[in-house]
Amino acid sequence: MTNPAYRRAALALMLDEQAPTLSMPEGTDLEGYANLLIARFTNPSLKHRTWQIAMDGSQKLPQRLLDPVRLHLQQGDDYRRLTLGVAGWMRYVGGVDEQGKTIDIVDPLLAQYQAIHQQYQTPEERVRGLLAIESIFGNDLPKNHEFVQAVTDAYQQLLQNGAKATVEALAK
């Protein structure tokens, strides 16, 4: 979170795409709270590491990213940062980082991710294979052409340009 583009993208995700999906008591300062979270995430003394936060993504993705996506789809709102989050998760569960090093994935669905990545070779096939995991994506999202295309596009951007360049382009 020391990268300014990552901070901007995370803050925009919180305020523009997640905050509108929350039912909060009147007077709640979501902008102040989001800024506190960004400050916390930027703290080098924070003991949580990225891999710890990414653990068990199959259990976290539905309520943290996918339920907000559903609301934005219903309302016709922008949800591209949420989509990039989903694509980033898909990139992560592939088990290999941008330098070709193995990533240690901790998730109850690891065997399923590995099977999908072995069975499918193209980005489009892998996205569709992962979207077919009903316990994560339900029945609705894999059938939503707009969502499928947005995730596929974001996934391809991550593969072609890397995470840093993709986030920087989004944060402009």
N, C-alpha and C. Protein backbone atom coordinates (compact mmCIF):
# COMPACT_ATOMS: atom_id res chain seq x y z
N MET A 1 0.81 -1.20 0.00
CA MET A 1 0.00 0.00 0.00
C MET A 1 0.85 1.26 0.00
N THR A 2 2.14 1.11 -0.14
CA THR A 2 2.99 2.29 -0.22
C THR A 2 2.92 2.92 -1.61
N ASN A 3 2.42 2.19 -2.59
CA ASN A 3 2.28 2.70 -3.94
C ASN A 3 1.06 3.63 -3.99
N PRO A 4 1.25 4.90 -4.41
CA PRO A 4 0.14 5.86 -4.43
C PRO A 4 -1.04 5.40 -5.29
N ALA A 5 -0.78 4.73 -6.40
CA ALA A 5 -1.87 4.26 -7.26
C ALA A 5 -2.69 3.20 -6.55
N TYR A 6 -2.04 2.31 -5.80
CA TYR A 6 -2.77 1.30 -5.04
C TYR A 6 -3.64 1.95 -3.98
N ARG A 7 -3.10 2.96 -3.31
CA ARG A 7 -3.88 3.67 -2.29
C ARG A 7 -5.10 4.35 -2.92
N ARG A 8 -4.90 5.03 -4.05
CA ARG A 8 -6.02 5.70 -4.72
C ARG A 8 -7.07 4.68 -5.16
N ALA A 9 -6.62 3.58 -5.73
CA ALA A 9 -7.56 2.55 -6.20
C ALA A 9 -8.32 1.93 -5.03
N ALA A 10 -7.63 1.66 -3.93
CA ALA A 10 -8.29 1.07 -2.76
C ALA A 10 -9.30 2.03 -2.16
N LEU A 11 -8.94 3.30 -2.06
CA LEU A 11 -9.86 4.29 -1.51
C LEU A 11 -11.08 4.46 -2.42
N ALA A 12 -10.86 4.51 -3.72
CA ALA A 12 -11.97 4.62 -4.67
C ALA A 12 -12.86 3.38 -4.60
N LEU A 13 -12.26 2.20 -4.46
CA LEU A 13 -13.04 0.97 -4.30
C LEU A 13 -13.93 1.08 -3.07
N MET A 14 -13.36 1.49 -1.96
CA MET A 14 -14.12 1.60 -0.71
C MET A 14 -15.26 2.61 -0.83
N LEU A 15 -14.94 3.80 -1.33
CA LEU A 15 -15.92 4.89 -1.32
C LEU A 15 -16.90 4.83 -2.49
N ASP A 16 -16.43 4.47 -3.66
CA ASP A 16 -17.28 4.52 -4.85
C ASP A 16 -18.03 3.23 -5.13
N GLU A 17 -17.46 2.09 -4.73
CA GLU A 17 -18.06 0.82 -5.12
C GLU A 17 -18.55 -0.01 -3.94
N GLN A 18 -17.93 0.10 -2.78
CA GLN A 18 -18.40 -0.67 -1.64
C GLN A 18 -19.32 0.14 -0.73
N ALA A 19 -19.00 1.38 -0.46
CA ALA A 19 -19.82 2.20 0.45
C ALA A 19 -21.28 2.27 0.01
N PRO A 20 -21.59 2.44 -1.29
CA PRO A 20 -23.00 2.52 -1.68
C PRO A 20 -23.79 1.23 -1.41
N THR A 21 -23.10 0.14 -1.15
CA THR A 21 -23.78 -1.13 -0.91
C THR A 21 -24.02 -1.40 0.57
N LEU A 22 -23.55 -0.50 1.43
CA LEU A 22 -23.64 -0.69 2.88
C LEU A 22 -24.87 0.01 3.45
N SER A 23 -25.46 -0.60 4.46
CA SER A 23 -26.53 0.03 5.24
C SER A 23 -25.90 0.47 6.54
N MET A 24 -25.66 1.77 6.65
CA MET A 24 -24.96 2.31 7.82
C MET A 24 -25.89 3.24 8.59
N PRO A 25 -25.65 3.36 9.90
CA PRO A 25 -26.43 4.33 10.68
C PRO A 25 -26.19 5.74 10.16
N GLU A 26 -27.22 6.56 10.25
CA GLU A 26 -27.10 7.95 9.79
C GLU A 26 -25.96 8.64 10.53
N GLY A 27 -25.21 9.42 9.78
CA GLY A 27 -24.10 10.17 10.37
C GLY A 27 -22.78 9.44 10.36
N THR A 28 -22.76 8.19 9.88
CA THR A 28 -21.51 7.45 9.81
C THR A 28 -20.58 8.11 8.79
N ASP A 29 -19.37 8.36 9.19
CA ASP A 29 -18.38 9.00 8.31
C ASP A 29 -17.60 7.92 7.57
N LEU A 30 -18.16 7.45 6.46
CA LEU A 30 -17.50 6.39 5.70
C LEU A 30 -16.19 6.85 5.09
N GLU A 31 -16.13 8.10 4.68
CA GLU A 31 -14.88 8.60 4.11
C GLU A 31 -13.77 8.63 5.16
N GLY A 32 -14.11 9.08 6.35
CA GLY A 32 -13.13 9.08 7.44
C GLY A 32 -12.68 7.67 7.78
N TYR A 33 -13.65 6.74 7.83
CA TYR A 33 -13.32 5.35 8.14
C TYR A 33 -12.44 4.75 7.05
N ALA A 34 -12.78 5.01 5.79
CA ALA A 34 -11.97 4.50 4.68
C ALA A 34 -10.55 5.04 4.75
N ASN A 35 -10.41 6.30 5.07
CA ASN A 35 -9.06 6.88 5.20
C ASN A 35 -8.29 6.26 6.36
N LEU A 36 -8.98 5.94 7.45
CA LEU A 36 -8.32 5.24 8.57
C LEU A 36 -7.84 3.85 8.14
N LEU A 37 -8.66 3.15 7.37
CA LEU A 37 -8.26 1.83 6.88
C LEU A 37 -7.04 1.93 5.96
N ILE A 38 -7.04 2.90 5.08
CA ILE A 38 -5.88 3.09 4.19
C ILE A 38 -4.63 3.36 5.01
N ALA A 39 -4.75 4.20 6.02
CA ALA A 39 -3.60 4.49 6.90
C ALA A 39 -3.13 3.22 7.59
N ARG A 40 -4.08 2.40 8.03
CA ARG A 40 -3.72 1.13 8.69
C ARG A 40 -3.02 0.20 7.71
N PHE A 41 -3.56 0.07 6.51
CA PHE A 41 -2.96 -0.81 5.51
C PHE A 41 -1.57 -0.34 5.09
N THR A 42 -1.33 0.95 5.17
CA THR A 42 -0.04 1.53 4.79
C THR A 42 1.00 1.39 5.89
N ASN A 43 0.57 1.08 7.09
CA ASN A 43 1.45 0.98 8.25
C ASN A 43 2.42 -0.19 8.08
N PRO A 44 3.73 0.07 8.01
CA PRO A 44 4.70 -1.01 7.83
C PRO A 44 4.80 -1.94 9.05
N SER A 45 4.27 -1.52 10.18
CA SER A 45 4.30 -2.35 11.38
C SER A 45 3.14 -3.33 11.45
N LEU A 46 2.21 -3.22 10.51
CA LEU A 46 1.06 -4.12 10.48
C LEU A 46 1.56 -5.56 10.35
N LYS A 47 1.09 -6.42 11.22
CA LYS A 47 1.60 -7.80 11.26
C LYS A 47 1.00 -8.69 10.17
N HIS A 48 -0.19 -8.36 9.66
CA HIS A 48 -0.78 -9.18 8.61
C HIS A 48 -0.01 -8.99 7.31
N ARG A 49 0.22 -10.06 6.63
CA ARG A 49 0.87 -10.03 5.34
C ARG A 49 -0.18 -10.28 4.26
N THR A 50 0.14 -9.92 3.04
CA THR A 50 -0.81 -10.06 1.94
C THR A 50 -1.31 -11.49 1.82
N TRP A 51 -0.44 -12.46 1.95
CA TRP A 51 -0.86 -13.85 1.80
C TRP A 51 -1.84 -14.25 2.89
N GLN A 52 -1.71 -13.67 4.08
CA GLN A 52 -2.65 -13.98 5.16
C GLN A 52 -4.03 -13.42 4.84
N ILE A 53 -4.05 -12.24 4.28
CA ILE A 53 -5.32 -11.61 3.91
C ILE A 53 -5.98 -12.40 2.77
N ALA A 54 -5.17 -12.95 1.87
CA ALA A 54 -5.69 -13.68 0.71
C ALA A 54 -6.15 -15.09 1.06
N MET A 55 -5.78 -15.60 2.22
CA MET A 55 -6.16 -16.96 2.61
C MET A 55 -7.68 -17.15 2.55
N ASP A 56 -8.09 -18.33 2.14
CA ASP A 56 -9.50 -18.70 2.13
C ASP A 56 -10.35 -17.72 1.33
N GLY A 57 -9.83 -17.29 0.20
CA GLY A 57 -10.55 -16.33 -0.65
C GLY A 57 -11.92 -16.81 -1.07
N SER A 58 -12.07 -18.12 -1.25
CA SER A 58 -13.38 -18.65 -1.65
C SER A 58 -14.45 -18.36 -0.61
N GLN A 59 -14.04 -18.20 0.63
CA GLN A 59 -14.98 -17.91 1.71
C GLN A 59 -15.24 -16.41 1.85
N LYS A 60 -14.33 -15.58 1.36
CA LYS A 60 -14.42 -14.13 1.53
C LYS A 60 -15.01 -13.41 0.32
N LEU A 61 -14.73 -13.94 -0.86
CA LEU A 61 -15.12 -13.27 -2.10
C LEU A 61 -16.62 -12.98 -2.20
N PRO A 62 -17.50 -13.94 -1.88
CA PRO A 62 -18.93 -13.67 -2.08
C PRO A 62 -19.44 -12.42 -1.37
N GLN A 63 -19.17 -12.27 -0.10
CA GLN A 63 -19.73 -11.11 0.62
C GLN A 63 -18.91 -9.84 0.42
N ARG A 64 -17.63 -9.96 0.18
CA ARG A 64 -16.79 -8.76 0.09
C ARG A 64 -16.77 -8.14 -1.30
N LEU A 65 -16.86 -8.96 -2.33
CA LEU A 65 -16.81 -8.42 -3.69
C LEU A 65 -18.05 -8.75 -4.52
N LEU A 66 -18.55 -9.97 -4.43
CA LEU A 66 -19.59 -10.39 -5.35
C LEU A 66 -20.97 -9.86 -5.01
N ASP A 67 -21.33 -9.78 -3.75
CA ASP A 67 -22.61 -9.17 -3.40
C ASP A 67 -22.65 -7.70 -3.82
N PRO A 68 -21.58 -6.92 -3.58
CA PRO A 68 -21.57 -5.56 -4.11
C PRO A 68 -21.66 -5.51 -5.65
N VAL A 69 -21.01 -6.44 -6.34
CA VAL A 69 -21.11 -6.49 -7.81
C VAL A 69 -22.56 -6.65 -8.22
N ARG A 70 -23.26 -7.56 -7.56
CA ARG A 70 -24.67 -7.80 -7.90
C ARG A 70 -25.50 -6.53 -7.77
N LEU A 71 -25.28 -5.79 -6.71
CA LEU A 71 -26.02 -4.55 -6.51
C LEU A 71 -25.70 -3.54 -7.62
N HIS A 72 -24.43 -3.40 -7.95
CA HIS A 72 -24.05 -2.47 -9.02
C HIS A 72 -24.61 -2.90 -10.37
N LEU A 73 -24.66 -4.20 -10.62
CA LEU A 73 -25.26 -4.67 -11.87
C LEU A 73 -26.74 -4.30 -11.93
N GLN A 74 -27.45 -4.46 -10.82
CA GLN A 74 -28.87 -4.10 -10.77
C GLN A 74 -29.08 -2.61 -11.00
N GLN A 75 -28.19 -1.80 -10.45
CA GLN A 75 -28.35 -0.36 -10.51
C GLN A 75 -27.68 0.28 -11.73
N GLY A 76 -26.90 -0.50 -12.46
CA GLY A 76 -26.21 0.03 -13.63
C GLY A 76 -25.03 0.93 -13.29
N ASP A 77 -24.46 0.74 -12.11
CA ASP A 77 -23.34 1.56 -11.64
C ASP A 77 -21.99 0.96 -12.05
N ASP A 78 -20.96 1.77 -11.95
CA ASP A 78 -19.59 1.34 -12.22
C ASP A 78 -19.11 0.40 -11.12
N TYR A 79 -18.48 -0.68 -11.51
CA TYR A 79 -17.95 -1.65 -10.54
C TYR A 79 -16.62 -2.22 -11.01
N ARG A 80 -15.87 -1.44 -11.78
CA ARG A 80 -14.64 -1.96 -12.40
C ARG A 80 -13.56 -2.30 -11.39
N ARG A 81 -13.51 -1.63 -10.24
CA ARG A 81 -12.50 -1.97 -9.23
C ARG A 81 -12.86 -3.30 -8.57
N LEU A 82 -14.14 -3.52 -8.34
CA LEU A 82 -14.57 -4.81 -7.81
C LEU A 82 -14.22 -5.92 -8.80
N THR A 83 -14.44 -5.65 -10.07
CA THR A 83 -14.12 -6.63 -11.11
C THR A 83 -12.62 -6.92 -11.14
N LEU A 84 -11.82 -5.88 -11.00
CA LEU A 84 -10.37 -6.10 -10.96
C LEU A 84 -10.00 -6.92 -9.73
N GLY A 85 -10.69 -6.72 -8.62
CA GLY A 85 -10.45 -7.54 -7.43
C GLY A 85 -10.74 -9.01 -7.70
N VAL A 86 -11.84 -9.29 -8.39
CA VAL A 86 -12.18 -10.67 -8.74
C VAL A 86 -11.12 -11.24 -9.68
N ALA A 87 -10.73 -10.47 -10.68
CA ALA A 87 -9.70 -10.94 -11.62
C ALA A 87 -8.36 -11.15 -10.91
N GLY A 88 -8.03 -10.27 -9.97
CA GLY A 88 -6.80 -10.43 -9.20
C GLY A 88 -6.82 -11.71 -8.38
N TRP A 89 -7.97 -12.01 -7.80
CA TRP A 89 -8.11 -13.26 -7.06
C TRP A 89 -7.92 -14.45 -8.01
N MET A 90 -8.50 -14.37 -9.19
CA MET A 90 -8.34 -15.45 -10.17
C MET A 90 -6.88 -15.63 -10.56
N ARG A 91 -6.19 -14.53 -10.72
CA ARG A 91 -4.75 -14.58 -11.04
C ARG A 91 -3.99 -15.24 -9.90
N TYR A 92 -4.32 -14.86 -8.69
CA TYR A 92 -3.67 -15.39 -7.49
C TYR A 92 -3.87 -16.90 -7.36
N VAL A 93 -5.12 -17.39 -7.54
CA VAL A 93 -5.37 -18.82 -7.35
C VAL A 93 -4.77 -19.66 -8.46
N GLY A 94 -4.22 -19.01 -9.49
CA GLY A 94 -3.47 -19.75 -10.50
C GLY A 94 -2.20 -20.34 -9.93
N GLY A 95 -1.76 -19.81 -8.79
CA GLY A 95 -0.64 -20.40 -8.07
C GLY A 95 0.74 -20.00 -8.53
N VAL A 96 0.82 -19.02 -9.45
CA VAL A 96 2.12 -18.58 -9.96
C VAL A 96 2.11 -17.05 -10.02
N ASP A 97 3.17 -16.42 -9.49
CA ASP A 97 3.22 -14.96 -9.50
C ASP A 97 3.74 -14.44 -10.84
N GLU A 98 3.87 -13.13 -10.96
CA GLU A 98 4.29 -12.51 -12.21
C GLU A 98 5.72 -12.86 -12.60
N GLN A 99 6.52 -13.30 -11.65
CA GLN A 99 7.90 -13.70 -11.93
C GLN A 99 8.01 -15.20 -12.18
N GLY A 100 6.88 -15.90 -12.18
CA GLY A 100 6.88 -17.33 -12.44
C GLY A 100 7.13 -18.19 -11.21
N LYS A 101 7.14 -17.56 -10.04
CA LYS A 101 7.36 -18.31 -8.79
C LYS A 101 6.04 -18.85 -8.27
N THR A 102 6.12 -20.02 -7.64
CA THR A 102 4.94 -20.65 -7.07
C THR A 102 4.43 -19.86 -5.88
N ILE A 103 3.11 -19.70 -5.82
CA ILE A 103 2.44 -19.05 -4.70
C ILE A 103 1.80 -20.14 -3.85
N ASP A 104 1.99 -20.07 -2.56
CA ASP A 104 1.37 -21.02 -1.64
C ASP A 104 -0.07 -20.57 -1.39
N ILE A 105 -1.02 -21.28 -1.97
CA ILE A 105 -2.43 -20.94 -1.85
C ILE A 105 -3.01 -21.73 -0.68
N VAL A 106 -3.68 -21.03 0.23
CA VAL A 106 -4.37 -21.68 1.35
C VAL A 106 -5.86 -21.42 1.16
N ASP A 107 -6.59 -22.45 0.74
CA ASP A 107 -8.01 -22.30 0.47
C ASP A 107 -8.63 -23.69 0.43
N PRO A 108 -9.84 -23.85 0.96
CA PRO A 108 -10.46 -25.17 0.92
C PRO A 108 -10.77 -25.67 -0.49
N LEU A 109 -10.78 -24.78 -1.48
CA LEU A 109 -11.07 -25.18 -2.85
C LEU A 109 -9.82 -25.27 -3.73
N LEU A 110 -8.66 -25.35 -3.10
CA LEU A 110 -7.39 -25.36 -3.84
C LEU A 110 -7.36 -26.43 -4.93
N ALA A 111 -7.78 -27.65 -4.62
CA ALA A 111 -7.74 -28.73 -5.62
C ALA A 111 -8.59 -28.38 -6.84
N GLN A 112 -9.71 -27.72 -6.61
CA GLN A 112 -10.58 -27.32 -7.71
C GLN A 112 -9.90 -26.24 -8.58
N TYR A 113 -9.24 -25.29 -7.95
CA TYR A 113 -8.51 -24.25 -8.70
C TYR A 113 -7.42 -24.89 -9.56
N GLN A 114 -6.68 -25.81 -8.96
CA GLN A 114 -5.59 -26.46 -9.68
C GLN A 114 -6.12 -27.24 -10.88
N ALA A 115 -7.24 -27.93 -10.69
CA ALA A 115 -7.83 -28.70 -11.79
C ALA A 115 -8.27 -27.77 -12.93
N ILE A 116 -8.86 -26.64 -12.59
CA ILE A 116 -9.29 -25.68 -13.61
C ILE A 116 -8.09 -25.14 -14.38
N HIS A 117 -7.03 -24.79 -13.67
CA HIS A 117 -5.84 -24.25 -14.35
C HIS A 117 -5.11 -25.30 -15.19
N GLN A 118 -5.24 -26.57 -14.82
CA GLN A 118 -4.64 -27.63 -15.64
C GLN A 118 -5.51 -27.93 -16.86
N GLN A 119 -6.82 -27.90 -16.65
CA GLN A 119 -7.75 -28.25 -17.73
C GLN A 119 -7.85 -27.17 -18.80
N TYR A 120 -7.82 -25.91 -18.39
CA TYR A 120 -8.03 -24.80 -19.32
C TYR A 120 -6.74 -24.02 -19.52
N GLN A 121 -6.47 -23.63 -20.75
CA GLN A 121 -5.22 -22.96 -21.06
C GLN A 121 -5.37 -21.47 -21.38
N THR A 122 -6.49 -21.08 -21.99
CA THR A 122 -6.63 -19.67 -22.36
C THR A 122 -7.21 -18.87 -21.19
N PRO A 123 -6.94 -17.57 -21.16
CA PRO A 123 -7.53 -16.74 -20.10
C PRO A 123 -9.05 -16.82 -20.07
N GLU A 124 -9.68 -16.82 -21.23
CA GLU A 124 -11.14 -16.88 -21.29
C GLU A 124 -11.66 -18.17 -20.67
N GLU A 125 -11.01 -19.29 -21.00
CA GLU A 125 -11.43 -20.59 -20.46
C GLU A 125 -11.23 -20.64 -18.95
N ARG A 126 -10.13 -20.12 -18.48
CA ARG A 126 -9.85 -20.15 -17.04
C ARG A 126 -10.85 -19.29 -16.28
N VAL A 127 -11.16 -18.11 -16.82
CA VAL A 127 -12.16 -17.26 -16.16
C VAL A 127 -13.50 -18.00 -16.11
N ARG A 128 -13.93 -18.56 -17.22
CA ARG A 128 -15.21 -19.27 -17.23
C ARG A 128 -15.18 -20.48 -16.30
N GLY A 129 -14.05 -21.18 -16.26
CA GLY A 129 -13.92 -22.33 -15.36
C GLY A 129 -14.05 -21.93 -13.90
N LEU A 130 -13.39 -20.85 -13.53
CA LEU A 130 -13.48 -20.37 -12.14
C LEU A 130 -14.86 -19.82 -11.84
N LEU A 131 -15.46 -19.12 -12.79
CA LEU A 131 -16.81 -18.59 -12.58
C LEU A 131 -17.84 -19.70 -12.42
N ALA A 132 -17.52 -20.90 -12.90
CA ALA A 132 -18.45 -22.03 -12.78
C ALA A 132 -18.48 -22.62 -11.38
N ILE A 133 -17.63 -22.14 -10.48
CA ILE A 133 -17.65 -22.64 -9.10
C ILE A 133 -18.86 -22.00 -8.41
N GLU A 134 -19.93 -22.76 -8.35
CA GLU A 134 -21.21 -22.24 -7.87
C GLU A 134 -21.16 -21.77 -6.42
N SER A 135 -20.36 -22.44 -5.59
CA SER A 135 -20.30 -22.05 -4.17
C SER A 135 -19.70 -20.66 -3.98
N ILE A 136 -19.00 -20.17 -4.98
CA ILE A 136 -18.43 -18.81 -4.92
C ILE A 136 -19.30 -17.84 -5.70
N PHE A 137 -19.58 -18.15 -6.96
CA PHE A 137 -20.20 -17.19 -7.88
C PHE A 137 -21.70 -17.37 -8.06
N GLY A 138 -22.26 -18.42 -7.46
CA GLY A 138 -23.69 -18.65 -7.63
C GLY A 138 -24.03 -19.04 -9.06
N ASN A 139 -25.32 -18.96 -9.37
CA ASN A 139 -25.79 -19.28 -10.72
C ASN A 139 -25.92 -18.04 -11.60
N ASP A 140 -26.07 -16.89 -10.96
CA ASP A 140 -26.39 -15.68 -11.71
C ASP A 140 -25.18 -15.04 -12.39
N LEU A 141 -24.09 -14.86 -11.67
CA LEU A 141 -22.95 -14.13 -12.23
C LEU A 141 -22.32 -14.81 -13.44
N PRO A 142 -22.17 -16.14 -13.45
CA PRO A 142 -21.60 -16.77 -14.64
C PRO A 142 -22.47 -16.61 -15.89
N LYS A 143 -23.75 -16.29 -15.70
CA LYS A 143 -24.67 -16.10 -16.83
C LYS A 143 -24.76 -14.64 -17.25
N ASN A 144 -24.16 -13.75 -16.48
CA ASN A 144 -24.24 -12.32 -16.77
C ASN A 144 -23.11 -11.94 -17.72
N HIS A 145 -23.45 -11.73 -18.98
CA HIS A 145 -22.43 -11.47 -20.01
C HIS A 145 -21.57 -10.26 -19.66
N GLU A 146 -22.18 -9.19 -19.17
CA GLU A 146 -21.44 -7.98 -18.83
C GLU A 146 -20.37 -8.27 -17.77
N PHE A 147 -20.77 -9.00 -16.73
CA PHE A 147 -19.83 -9.34 -15.65
C PHE A 147 -18.72 -10.26 -16.17
N VAL A 148 -19.09 -11.29 -16.90
CA VAL A 148 -18.11 -12.25 -17.42
C VAL A 148 -17.09 -11.52 -18.30
N GLN A 149 -17.56 -10.63 -19.16
CA GLN A 149 -16.65 -9.90 -20.04
C GLN A 149 -15.75 -8.96 -19.25
N ALA A 150 -16.31 -8.28 -18.25
CA ALA A 150 -15.51 -7.36 -17.43
C ALA A 150 -14.41 -8.09 -16.67
N VAL A 151 -14.74 -9.25 -16.11
CA VAL A 151 -13.74 -10.04 -15.38
C VAL A 151 -12.69 -10.57 -16.35
N THR A 152 -13.13 -11.05 -17.50
CA THR A 152 -12.19 -11.57 -18.50
C THR A 152 -11.23 -10.47 -18.96
N ASP A 153 -11.76 -9.29 -19.23
CA ASP A 153 -10.91 -8.17 -19.65
C ASP A 153 -9.90 -7.81 -18.57
N ALA A 154 -10.36 -7.73 -17.33
CA ALA A 154 -9.45 -7.38 -16.22
C ALA A 154 -8.39 -8.46 -16.03
N TYR A 155 -8.79 -9.72 -16.13
CA TYR A 155 -7.85 -10.84 -15.99
C TYR A 155 -6.78 -10.77 -17.09
N GLN A 156 -7.21 -10.51 -18.32
CA GLN A 156 -6.25 -10.41 -19.42
C GLN A 156 -5.31 -9.22 -19.22
N GLN A 157 -5.82 -8.11 -18.71
CA GLN A 157 -4.95 -6.96 -18.43
C GLN A 157 -3.90 -7.32 -17.39
N LEU A 158 -4.30 -8.05 -16.36
CA LEU A 158 -3.34 -8.47 -15.33
C LEU A 158 -2.26 -9.36 -15.93
N LEU A 159 -2.66 -10.28 -16.79
CA LEU A 159 -1.68 -11.18 -17.41
C LEU A 159 -0.75 -10.43 -18.36
N GLN A 160 -1.29 -9.52 -19.14
CA GLN A 160 -0.50 -8.82 -20.15
C GLN A 160 0.35 -7.70 -19.57
N ASN A 161 -0.21 -6.94 -18.64
CA ASN A 161 0.44 -5.72 -18.15
C ASN A 161 1.00 -5.83 -16.74
N GLY A 162 0.59 -6.84 -16.00
CA GLY A 162 0.98 -6.97 -14.60
C GLY A 162 0.06 -6.17 -13.69
N ALA A 163 0.11 -6.50 -12.42
CA ALA A 163 -0.79 -5.88 -11.45
C ALA A 163 -0.53 -4.38 -11.30
N LYS A 164 0.73 -4.02 -11.19
CA LYS A 164 1.05 -2.61 -10.94
C LYS A 164 0.54 -1.71 -12.06
N ALA A 165 0.84 -2.05 -13.30
CA ALA A 165 0.40 -1.24 -14.44
C ALA A 165 -1.12 -1.23 -14.57
N THR A 166 -1.75 -2.37 -14.29
CA THR A 166 -3.21 -2.45 -14.39
C THR A 166 -3.87 -1.56 -13.35
N VAL A 167 -3.38 -1.61 -12.12
CA VAL A 167 -3.94 -0.77 -11.06
C VAL A 167 -3.65 0.70 -11.34
N GLU A 168 -2.46 1.01 -11.80
CA GLU A 168 -2.12 2.40 -12.11
C GLU A 168 -3.04 2.96 -13.20
N ALA A 169 -3.34 2.16 -14.21
CA ALA A 169 -4.25 2.61 -15.28
C ALA A 169 -5.65 2.85 -14.73
N LEU A 170 -6.08 2.01 -13.82
CA LEU A 170 -7.41 2.14 -13.22
C LEU A 170 -7.49 3.33 -12.27
N ALA A 171 -6.40 3.63 -11.61
CA ALA A 171 -6.39 4.67 -10.58
C ALA A 171 -6.27 6.08 -11.15
N LYS A 172 -6.08 6.20 -12.45
CA LYS A 172 -5.92 7.54 -13.06
C LYS A 172 -7.22 8.29 -13.07
